[in-house]
Amino acid sequence: AEYGLVEGDTYDPGDAAQRLRTQVEDVSTDAEFRTES
C-alpha cells in the first residue's frame, strides 16, 4: 500500500504482477518481464 500497489480492498502479489506486466506489454511486447519479492 505504501508503494501504491494495492488495488481494491486486498493485496495479491500475483494480481499486482499481472497489472505491471500488462503495463509493460502496452509499451513493449518484446520486453522480458520478471518479478522479485
PDB file of all heavy atoms in Angstrom:
ATOM      1  N   ALA A   1       0.839  -1.207   0.000  1.00  0.00           N
ATOM      2  CA  ALA A   1       0.000   0.000   0.000  1.00  0.00           C
ATOM      3  C   ALA A   1       0.871   1.252   0.000  1.00  0.00           C
ATOM      4  O   ALA A   1       0.583   2.225  -0.710  1.00  0.00           O
ATOM      5  CB  ALA A   1      -0.930  -0.012   1.203  1.00  0.00           C
ATOM      6  N   GLU A   2       1.952   1.223   0.768  1.00  0.00           N
ATOM      7  CA  GLU A   2       2.883   2.353   0.809  1.00  0.00           C
ATOM      8  C   GLU A   2       3.468   2.637  -0.568  1.00  0.00           C
ATOM      9  O   GLU A   2       3.698   3.782  -0.939  1.00  0.00           O
ATOM     10  CB  GLU A   2       4.002   2.040   1.802  1.00  0.00           C
ATOM     11  CG  GLU A   2       4.993   3.159   1.983  1.00  0.00           C
ATOM     12  CD  GLU A   2       6.083   2.805   2.986  1.00  0.00           C
ATOM     13  OE1 GLU A   2       5.802   2.041   3.927  1.00  0.00           O
ATOM     14  OE2 GLU A   2       7.214   3.297   2.806  1.00  0.00           O
ATOM     15  N   TYR A   3       3.697   1.580  -1.348  1.00  0.00           N
ATOM     16  CA  TYR A   3       4.255   1.736  -2.692  1.00  0.00           C
ATOM     17  C   TYR A   3       3.193   1.874  -3.773  1.00  0.00           C
ATOM     18  O   TYR A   3       3.514   1.874  -4.959  1.00  0.00           O
ATOM     19  CB  TYR A   3       5.187   0.559  -3.011  1.00  0.00           C
ATOM     20  CG  TYR A   3       6.426   0.521  -2.149  1.00  0.00           C
ATOM     21  CD1 TYR A   3       6.992  -0.684  -1.784  1.00  0.00           C
ATOM     22  CD2 TYR A   3       7.034   1.686  -1.706  1.00  0.00           C
ATOM     23  CE1 TYR A   3       8.125  -0.730  -0.996  1.00  0.00           C
ATOM     24  CE2 TYR A   3       8.159   1.648  -0.912  1.00  0.00           C
ATOM     25  CZ  TYR A   3       8.709   0.448  -0.558  1.00  0.00           C
ATOM     26  OH  TYR A   3       9.825   0.406   0.216  1.00  0.00           O
ATOM     27  N   GLY A   4       1.918   1.968  -3.375  1.00  0.00           N
ATOM     28  CA  GLY A   4       0.849   2.184  -4.345  1.00  0.00           C
ATOM     29  C   GLY A   4       0.512   0.966  -5.185  1.00  0.00           C
ATOM     30  O   GLY A   4       0.045   1.100  -6.313  1.00  0.00           O
ATOM     31  N   LEU A   5       0.720  -0.229  -4.652  1.00  0.00           N
ATOM     32  CA  LEU A   5       0.500  -1.449  -5.423  1.00  0.00           C
ATOM     33  C   LEU A   5      -0.804  -2.165  -5.086  1.00  0.00           C
ATOM     34  O   LEU A   5      -1.106  -3.191  -5.680  1.00  0.00           O
ATOM     35  CB  LEU A   5       1.674  -2.414  -5.220  1.00  0.00           C
ATOM     36  CG  LEU A   5       3.015  -1.917  -5.747  1.00  0.00           C
ATOM     37  CD1 LEU A   5       4.141  -2.808  -5.262  1.00  0.00           C
ATOM     38  CD2 LEU A   5       2.991  -1.853  -7.269  1.00  0.00           C
ATOM     39  N   VAL A   6      -1.570  -1.627  -4.138  1.00  0.00           N
ATOM     40  CA  VAL A   6      -2.828  -2.264  -3.742  1.00  0.00           C
ATOM     41  C   VAL A   6      -3.948  -1.693  -4.599  1.00  0.00           C
ATOM     42  O   VAL A   6      -4.106  -0.492  -4.716  1.00  0.00           O
ATOM     43  CB  VAL A   6      -3.123  -2.041  -2.247  1.00  0.00           C
ATOM     44  CG1 VAL A   6      -4.469  -2.637  -1.873  1.00  0.00           C
ATOM     45  CG2 VAL A   6      -2.018  -2.625  -1.394  1.00  0.00           C
ATOM     46  N   GLU A   7      -4.693  -2.592  -5.195  1.00  0.00           N
ATOM     47  CA  GLU A   7      -5.857  -2.182  -5.985  1.00  0.00           C
ATOM     48  C   GLU A   7      -7.065  -2.892  -5.399  1.00  0.00           C
ATOM     49  O   GLU A   7      -7.078  -4.116  -5.283  1.00  0.00           O
ATOM     50  CB  GLU A   7      -5.665  -2.557  -7.451  1.00  0.00           C
ATOM     51  CG  GLU A   7      -6.756  -2.001  -8.353  1.00  0.00           C
ATOM     52  CD  GLU A   7      -6.429  -2.234  -9.809  1.00  0.00           C
ATOM     53  OE1 GLU A   7      -5.626  -1.448 -10.355  1.00  0.00           O
ATOM     54  OE2 GLU A   7      -6.957  -3.192 -10.386  1.00  0.00           O
ATOM     55  N   GLY A   8      -8.072  -2.126  -5.001  1.00  0.00           N
ATOM     56  CA  GLY A   8      -9.228  -2.732  -4.352  1.00  0.00           C
ATOM     57  C   GLY A   8      -9.001  -2.830  -2.854  1.00  0.00           C
ATOM     58  O   GLY A   8      -8.241  -2.065  -2.259  1.00  0.00           O
ATOM     59  N   ASP A   9      -9.628  -3.815  -2.244  1.00  0.00           N
ATOM     60  CA  ASP A   9      -9.582  -3.946  -0.787  1.00  0.00           C
ATOM     61  C   ASP A   9      -8.428  -4.781  -0.268  1.00  0.00           C
ATOM     62  O   ASP A   9      -8.032  -4.656   0.887  1.00  0.00           O
ATOM     63  CB  ASP A   9     -10.891  -4.569  -0.278  1.00  0.00           C
ATOM     64  CG  ASP A   9     -12.077  -3.652  -0.507  1.00  0.00           C
ATOM     65  OD1 ASP A   9     -11.867  -2.422  -0.585  1.00  0.00           O
ATOM     66  OD2 ASP A   9     -13.205  -4.166  -0.603  1.00  0.00           O
ATOM     67  N   THR A  10      -7.894  -5.663  -1.080  1.00  0.00           N
ATOM     68  CA  THR A  10      -6.826  -6.541  -0.615  1.00  0.00           C
ATOM     69  C   THR A  10      -5.671  -6.537  -1.605  1.00  0.00           C
ATOM     70  O   THR A  10      -5.830  -6.163  -2.770  1.00  0.00           O
ATOM     71  CB  THR A  10      -7.326  -7.992  -0.439  1.00  0.00           C
ATOM     72  OG1 THR A  10      -7.812  -8.472  -1.695  1.00  0.00           O
ATOM     73  CG2 THR A  10      -8.432  -8.065   0.606  1.00  0.00           C
ATOM     74  N   TYR A  11      -4.544  -6.996  -1.111  1.00  0.00           N
ATOM     75  CA  TYR A  11      -3.343  -7.054  -1.947  1.00  0.00           C
ATOM     76  C   TYR A  11      -3.041  -8.497  -2.312  1.00  0.00           C
ATOM     77  O   TYR A  11      -2.957  -9.368  -1.450  1.00  0.00           O
ATOM     78  CB  TYR A  11      -2.153  -6.456  -1.191  1.00  0.00           C
ATOM     79  CG  TYR A  11      -0.839  -6.626  -1.902  1.00  0.00           C
ATOM     80  CD1 TYR A  11      -0.598  -6.004  -3.128  1.00  0.00           C
ATOM     81  CD2 TYR A  11       0.178  -7.398  -1.356  1.00  0.00           C
ATOM     82  CE1 TYR A  11       0.615  -6.148  -3.778  1.00  0.00           C
ATOM     83  CE2 TYR A  11       1.402  -7.541  -1.998  1.00  0.00           C
ATOM     84  CZ  TYR A  11       1.601  -6.921  -3.210  1.00  0.00           C
ATOM     85  OH  TYR A  11       2.808  -7.060  -3.858  1.00  0.00           O
ATOM     86  N   ASP A  12      -2.891  -8.714  -3.590  1.00  0.00           N
ATOM     87  CA  ASP A  12      -2.483 -10.014  -4.098  1.00  0.00           C
ATOM     88  C   ASP A  12      -1.252  -9.783  -4.967  1.00  0.00           C
ATOM     89  O   ASP A  12      -1.348  -9.132  -6.016  1.00  0.00           O
ATOM     90  CB  ASP A  12      -3.611 -10.634  -4.919  1.00  0.00           C
ATOM     91  CG  ASP A  12      -3.249 -11.995  -5.484  1.00  0.00           C
ATOM     92  OD1 ASP A  12      -2.066 -12.242  -5.784  1.00  0.00           O
ATOM     93  OD2 ASP A  12      -4.162 -12.821  -5.641  1.00  0.00           O
ATOM     94  N   PRO A  13      -0.076 -10.265  -4.541  1.00  0.00           N
ATOM     95  CA  PRO A  13       1.141 -10.043  -5.330  1.00  0.00           C
ATOM     96  C   PRO A  13       1.022 -10.531  -6.771  1.00  0.00           C
ATOM     97  O   PRO A  13       1.557  -9.907  -7.686  1.00  0.00           O
ATOM     98  CB  PRO A  13       2.217 -10.826  -4.570  1.00  0.00           C
ATOM     99  CG  PRO A  13       1.705 -10.931  -3.182  1.00  0.00           C
ATOM    100  CD  PRO A  13       0.211 -11.006  -3.303  1.00  0.00           C
ATOM    101  N   GLY A  14       0.303 -11.631  -6.979  1.00  0.00           N
ATOM    102  CA  GLY A  14       0.120 -12.141  -8.342  1.00  0.00           C
ATOM    103  C   GLY A  14      -0.684 -11.184  -9.199  1.00  0.00           C
ATOM    104  O   GLY A  14      -0.354 -10.953 -10.370  1.00  0.00           O
ATOM    105  N   ASP A  15      -1.737 -10.611  -8.622  1.00  0.00           N
ATOM    106  CA  ASP A  15      -2.536  -9.627  -9.357  1.00  0.00           C
ATOM    107  C   ASP A  15      -1.721  -8.370  -9.650  1.00  0.00           C
ATOM    108  O   ASP A  15      -1.798  -7.811 -10.748  1.00  0.00           O
ATOM    109  CB  ASP A  15      -3.790  -9.240  -8.566  1.00  0.00           C
ATOM    110  CG  ASP A  15      -4.823 -10.354  -8.522  1.00  0.00           C
ATOM    111  OD1 ASP A  15      -4.708 -11.330  -9.298  1.00  0.00           O
ATOM    112  OD2 ASP A  15      -5.758 -10.238  -7.690  1.00  0.00           O
ATOM    113  N   ALA A  16      -0.948  -7.935  -8.654  1.00  0.00           N
ATOM    114  CA  ALA A  16      -0.106  -6.758  -8.859  1.00  0.00           C
ATOM    115  C   ALA A  16       0.908  -7.013  -9.973  1.00  0.00           C
ATOM    116  O   ALA A  16       1.126  -6.165 -10.841  1.00  0.00           O
ATOM    117  CB  ALA A  16       0.610  -6.392  -7.557  1.00  0.00           C
ATOM    118  N   ALA A  17       1.500  -8.202  -9.976  1.00  0.00           N
ATOM    119  CA  ALA A  17       2.463  -8.551 -11.018  1.00  0.00           C
ATOM    120  C   ALA A  17       1.800  -8.544 -12.391  1.00  0.00           C
ATOM    121  O   ALA A  17       2.379  -8.048 -13.366  1.00  0.00           O
ATOM    122  CB  ALA A  17       3.087  -9.914 -10.739  1.00  0.00           C
ATOM    123  N   GLN A  18       0.593  -9.067 -12.477  1.00  0.00           N
ATOM    124  CA  GLN A  18      -0.111  -9.099 -13.760  1.00  0.00           C
ATOM    125  C   GLN A  18      -0.441  -7.687 -14.254  1.00  0.00           C
ATOM    126  O   GLN A  18      -0.320  -7.395 -15.433  1.00  0.00           O
ATOM    127  CB  GLN A  18      -1.381  -9.953 -13.681  1.00  0.00           C
ATOM    128  CG  GLN A  18      -2.057 -10.138 -15.019  1.00  0.00           C
ATOM    129  CD  GLN A  18      -1.119 -10.703 -16.084  1.00  0.00           C
ATOM    130  OE1 GLN A  18      -0.433 -11.696 -15.864  1.00  0.00           O
ATOM    131  NE2 GLN A  18      -1.068 -10.073 -17.251  1.00  0.00           N
ATOM    132  N   ARG A  19      -0.852  -6.804 -13.325  1.00  0.00           N
ATOM    133  CA  ARG A  19      -1.132  -5.412 -13.720  1.00  0.00           C
ATOM    134  C   ARG A  19       0.130  -4.750 -14.264  1.00  0.00           C
ATOM    135  O   ARG A  19       0.097  -4.054 -15.281  1.00  0.00           O
ATOM    136  CB  ARG A  19      -1.674  -4.617 -12.532  1.00  0.00           C
ATOM    137  CG  ARG A  19      -3.116  -4.888 -12.207  1.00  0.00           C
ATOM    138  CD  ARG A  19      -3.698  -3.865 -11.248  1.00  0.00           C
ATOM    139  NE  ARG A  19      -2.917  -3.644 -10.049  1.00  0.00           N
ATOM    140  CZ  ARG A  19      -2.991  -4.373  -8.940  1.00  0.00           C
ATOM    141  NH1 ARG A  19      -3.823  -5.404  -8.882  1.00  0.00           N
ATOM    142  NH2 ARG A  19      -2.248  -4.083  -7.888  1.00  0.00           N
ATOM    143  N   LEU A  20       1.257  -4.970 -13.576  1.00  0.00           N
ATOM    144  CA  LEU A  20       2.511  -4.379 -14.031  1.00  0.00           C
ATOM    145  C   LEU A  20       2.946  -4.978 -15.366  1.00  0.00           C
ATOM    146  O   LEU A  20       3.396  -4.256 -16.259  1.00  0.00           O
ATOM    147  CB  LEU A  20       3.597  -4.565 -12.966  1.00  0.00           C
ATOM    148  CG  LEU A  20       3.377  -3.776 -11.675  1.00  0.00           C
ATOM    149  CD1 LEU A  20       4.357  -4.227 -10.603  1.00  0.00           C
ATOM    150  CD2 LEU A  20       3.477  -2.283 -11.912  1.00  0.00           C
ATOM    151  N   ARG A  21       2.785  -6.292 -15.512  1.00  0.00           N
ATOM    152  CA  ARG A  21       3.126  -6.944 -16.784  1.00  0.00           C
ATOM    153  C   ARG A  21       2.308  -6.348 -17.928  1.00  0.00           C
ATOM    154  O   ARG A  21       2.842  -6.072 -19.010  1.00  0.00           O
ATOM    155  CB  ARG A  21       2.873  -8.445 -16.696  1.00  0.00           C
ATOM    156  CG  ARG A  21       3.162  -9.188 -18.017  1.00  0.00           C
ATOM    157  CD  ARG A  21       2.778 -10.656 -17.945  1.00  0.00           C
ATOM    158  NE  ARG A  21       3.477 -11.373 -16.906  1.00  0.00           N
ATOM    159  CZ  ARG A  21       4.692 -11.911 -17.029  1.00  0.00           C
ATOM    160  NH1 ARG A  21       5.350 -11.794 -18.165  1.00  0.00           N
ATOM    161  NH2 ARG A  21       5.247 -12.566 -16.035  1.00  0.00           N
ATOM    162  N   THR A  22       1.021  -6.117 -17.682  1.00  0.00           N
ATOM    163  CA  THR A  22       0.159  -5.532 -18.714  1.00  0.00           C
ATOM    164  C   THR A  22       0.628  -4.131 -19.076  1.00  0.00           C
ATOM    165  O   THR A  22       0.678  -3.776 -20.265  1.00  0.00           O
ATOM    166  CB  THR A  22      -1.307  -5.509 -18.231  1.00  0.00           C
ATOM    167  OG1 THR A  22      -1.719  -6.865 -18.000  1.00  0.00           O
ATOM    168  CG2 THR A  22      -2.227  -4.864 -19.254  1.00  0.00           C
ATOM    169  N   GLN A  23       1.015  -3.337 -18.073  1.00  0.00           N
ATOM    170  CA  GLN A  23       1.553  -2.003 -18.345  1.00  0.00           C
ATOM    171  C   GLN A  23       2.806  -2.089 -19.210  1.00  0.00           C
ATOM    172  O   GLN A  23       2.985  -1.304 -20.143  1.00  0.00           O
ATOM    173  CB  GLN A  23       1.891  -1.280 -17.046  1.00  0.00           C
ATOM    174  CG  GLN A  23       0.735  -0.611 -16.370  1.00  0.00           C
ATOM    175  CD  GLN A  23       1.224   0.169 -15.160  1.00  0.00           C
ATOM    176  OE1 GLN A  23       1.251  -0.364 -14.057  1.00  0.00           O
ATOM    177  NE2 GLN A  23       1.628   1.400 -15.375  1.00  0.00           N
ATOM    178  N   VAL A  24       3.670  -3.036 -18.893  1.00  0.00           N
ATOM    179  CA  VAL A  24       4.915  -3.206 -19.653  1.00  0.00           C
ATOM    180  C   VAL A  24       4.585  -3.605 -21.084  1.00  0.00           C
ATOM    181  O   VAL A  24       5.138  -3.046 -22.038  1.00  0.00           O
ATOM    182  CB  VAL A  24       5.839  -4.245 -18.976  1.00  0.00           C
ATOM    183  CG1 VAL A  24       6.977  -4.655 -19.903  1.00  0.00           C
ATOM    184  CG2 VAL A  24       6.375  -3.704 -17.656  1.00  0.00           C
ATOM    185  N   GLU A  25       3.675  -4.561 -21.257  1.00  0.00           N
ATOM    186  CA  GLU A  25       3.315  -5.028 -22.600  1.00  0.00           C
ATOM    187  C   GLU A  25       2.661  -3.934 -23.432  1.00  0.00           C
ATOM    188  O   GLU A  25       2.770  -3.946 -24.657  1.00  0.00           O
ATOM    189  CB  GLU A  25       2.401  -6.244 -22.497  1.00  0.00           C
ATOM    190  CG  GLU A  25       3.133  -7.481 -22.008  1.00  0.00           C
ATOM    191  CD  GLU A  25       2.221  -8.657 -21.720  1.00  0.00           C
ATOM    192  OE1 GLU A  25       0.975  -8.489 -21.704  1.00  0.00           O
ATOM    193  OE2 GLU A  25       2.763  -9.764 -21.498  1.00  0.00           O
ATOM    194  N   ASP A  26       2.005  -2.966 -22.780  1.00  0.00           N
ATOM    195  CA  ASP A  26       1.432  -1.838 -23.506  1.00  0.00           C
ATOM    196  C   ASP A  26       2.519  -0.958 -24.128  1.00  0.00           C
ATOM    197  O   ASP A  26       2.292  -0.281 -25.121  1.00  0.00           O
ATOM    198  CB  ASP A  26       0.555  -0.986 -22.583  1.00  0.00           C
ATOM    199  CG  ASP A  26      -0.769  -1.649 -22.243  1.00  0.00           C
ATOM    200  OD1 ASP A  26      -1.145  -2.651 -22.908  1.00  0.00           O
ATOM    201  OD2 ASP A  26      -1.439  -1.171 -21.293  1.00  0.00           O
ATOM    202  N   VAL A  27       3.709  -0.982 -23.535  1.00  0.00           N
ATOM    203  CA  VAL A  27       4.828  -0.187 -24.044  1.00  0.00           C
ATOM    204  C   VAL A  27       5.719  -1.021 -24.957  1.00  0.00           C
ATOM    205  O   VAL A  27       6.195  -0.541 -25.984  1.00  0.00           O
ATOM    206  CB  VAL A  27       5.652   0.410 -22.884  1.00  0.00           C
ATOM    207  CG1 VAL A  27       6.861   1.175 -23.404  1.00  0.00           C
ATOM    208  CG2 VAL A  27       4.781   1.307 -22.017  1.00  0.00           C
ATOM    209  N   SER A  28       5.952  -2.286 -24.587  1.00  0.00           N
ATOM    210  CA  SER A  28       6.830  -3.149 -25.376  1.00  0.00           C
ATOM    211  C   SER A  28       6.408  -4.603 -25.251  1.00  0.00           C
ATOM    212  O   SER A  28       6.434  -5.162 -24.153  1.00  0.00           O
ATOM    213  CB  SER A  28       8.280  -3.015 -24.906  1.00  0.00           C
ATOM    214  OG  SER A  28       9.096  -3.967 -25.560  1.00  0.00           O
ATOM    215  N   THR A  29       6.083  -5.201 -26.372  1.00  0.00           N
ATOM    216  CA  THR A  29       5.742  -6.622 -26.366  1.00  0.00           C
ATOM    217  C   THR A  29       6.991  -7.497 -26.401  1.00  0.00           C
ATOM    218  O   THR A  29       6.909  -8.699 -26.176  1.00  0.00           O
ATOM    219  CB  THR A  29       4.842  -6.980 -27.566  1.00  0.00           C
ATOM    220  OG1 THR A  29       5.517  -6.593 -28.768  1.00  0.00           O
ATOM    221  CG2 THR A  29       3.498  -6.273 -27.462  1.00  0.00           C
ATOM    222  N   ASP A  30       8.154  -6.901 -26.664  1.00  0.00           N
ATOM    223  CA  ASP A  30       9.402  -7.657 -26.755  1.00  0.00           C
ATOM    224  C   ASP A  30      10.150  -7.757 -25.430  1.00  0.00           C
ATOM    225  O   ASP A  30      11.113  -8.506 -25.326  1.00  0.00           O
ATOM    226  CB  ASP A  30      10.329  -7.017 -27.791  1.00  0.00           C
ATOM    227  CG  ASP A  30       9.755  -7.096 -29.189  1.00  0.00           C
ATOM    228  OD1 ASP A  30       9.053  -8.084 -29.482  1.00  0.00           O
ATOM    229  OD2 ASP A  30      10.009  -6.178 -29.985  1.00  0.00           O
ATOM    230  N   ALA A  31       9.728  -6.988 -24.430  1.00  0.00           N
ATOM    231  CA  ALA A  31      10.450  -6.978 -23.163  1.00  0.00           C
ATOM    232  C   ALA A  31      10.226  -8.269 -22.385  1.00  0.00           C
ATOM    233  O   ALA A  31       9.130  -8.824 -22.374  1.00  0.00           O
ATOM    234  CB  ALA A  31      10.002  -5.787 -22.324  1.00  0.00           C
ATOM    235  N   GLU A  32      11.292  -8.745 -21.750  1.00  0.00           N
ATOM    236  CA  GLU A  32      11.176  -9.866 -20.812  1.00  0.00           C
ATOM    237  C   GLU A  32      10.747  -9.261 -19.475  1.00  0.00           C
ATOM    238  O   GLU A  32      11.348  -8.293 -19.021  1.00  0.00           O
ATOM    239  CB  GLU A  32      12.528 -10.546 -20.619  1.00  0.00           C
ATOM    240  CG  GLU A  32      13.116 -11.157 -21.855  1.00  0.00           C
ATOM    241  CD  GLU A  32      14.544 -11.643 -21.605  1.00  0.00           C
ATOM    242  OE1 GLU A  32      14.841 -12.089 -20.476  1.00  0.00           O
ATOM    243  OE2 GLU A  32      15.345 -11.548 -22.543  1.00  0.00           O
ATOM    244  N   PHE A  33       9.731  -9.826 -18.846  1.00  0.00           N
ATOM    245  CA  PHE A  33       9.241  -9.300 -17.573  1.00  0.00           C
ATOM    246  C   PHE A  33       9.512 -10.299 -16.469  1.00  0.00           C
ATOM    247  O   PHE A  33       9.260 -11.489 -16.627  1.00  0.00           O
ATOM    248  CB  PHE A  33       7.734  -9.014 -17.664  1.00  0.00           C
ATOM    249  CG  PHE A  33       7.152  -8.450 -16.401  1.00  0.00           C
ATOM    250  CD1 PHE A  33       7.315  -7.114 -16.082  1.00  0.00           C
ATOM    251  CD2 PHE A  33       6.446  -9.263 -15.529  1.00  0.00           C
ATOM    252  CE1 PHE A  33       6.786  -6.590 -14.919  1.00  0.00           C
ATOM    253  CE2 PHE A  33       5.902  -8.749 -14.357  1.00  0.00           C
ATOM    254  CZ  PHE A  33       6.078  -7.410 -14.052  1.00  0.00           C
ATOM    255  N   ARG A  34      10.047  -9.809 -15.364  1.00  0.00           N
ATOM    256  CA  ARG A  34      10.250 -10.686 -14.223  1.00  0.00           C
ATOM    257  C   ARG A  34       9.957  -9.925 -12.942  1.00  0.00           C
ATOM    258  O   ARG A  34      10.030  -8.697 -12.911  1.00  0.00           O
ATOM    259  CB  ARG A  34      11.646 -11.287 -14.216  1.00  0.00           C
ATOM    260  CG  ARG A  34      12.781 -10.310 -14.058  1.00  0.00           C
ATOM    261  CD  ARG A  34      14.125 -10.961 -14.265  1.00  0.00           C
ATOM    262  NE  ARG A  34      14.623 -11.607 -13.065  1.00  0.00           N
ATOM    263  CZ  ARG A  34      15.785 -12.244 -13.005  1.00  0.00           C
ATOM    264  NH1 ARG A  34      16.552 -12.343 -14.070  1.00  0.00           N
ATOM    265  NH2 ARG A  34      16.184 -12.803 -11.891  1.00  0.00           N
ATOM    266  N   THR A  35       9.605 -10.665 -11.916  1.00  0.00           N
ATOM    267  CA  THR A  35       9.339 -10.065 -10.613  1.00  0.00           C
ATOM    268  C   THR A  35      10.267 -10.670  -9.572  1.00  0.00           C
ATOM    269  O   THR A  35      10.724 -11.802  -9.707  1.00  0.00           O
ATOM    270  CB  THR A  35       7.882 -10.281 -10.168  1.00  0.00           C
ATOM    271  OG1 THR A  35       7.621 -11.678 -10.079  1.00  0.00           O
ATOM    272  CG2 THR A  35       6.903  -9.621 -11.139  1.00  0.00           C
ATOM    273  N   GLU A  36      10.534  -9.888  -8.576  1.00  0.00           N
ATOM    274  CA  GLU A  36      11.268 -10.325  -7.393  1.00  0.00           C
ATOM    275  C   GLU A  36      10.406  -9.950  -6.199  1.00  0.00           C
ATOM    276  O   GLU A  36       9.634  -8.991  -6.251  1.00  0.00           O
ATOM    277  CB  GLU A  36      12.631  -9.639  -7.300  1.00  0.00           C
ATOM    278  CG  GLU A  36      13.545  -9.921  -8.477  1.00  0.00           C
ATOM    279  CD  GLU A  36      13.972 -11.377  -8.584  1.00  0.00           C
ATOM    280  OE1 GLU A  36      14.103 -12.051  -7.539  1.00  0.00           O
ATOM    281  OE2 GLU A  36      14.169 -11.847  -9.721  1.00  0.00           O
ATOM    282  N   SER A  37      10.529 -10.680  -5.105  1.00  0.00           N
ATOM    283  CA  SER A  37       9.731 -10.423  -3.909  1.00  0.00           C
ATOM    284  C   SER A  37      10.613  -9.975  -2.760  1.00  0.00           C
ATOM    285  O   SER A  37      11.759 -10.406  -2.633  1.00  0.00           O
ATOM    286  CB  SER A  37       8.997 -11.695  -3.479  1.00  0.00           C
ATOM    287  OG  SER A  37       8.078 -12.087  -4.465  1.00  0.00           O
TER     288      SER A  37
END
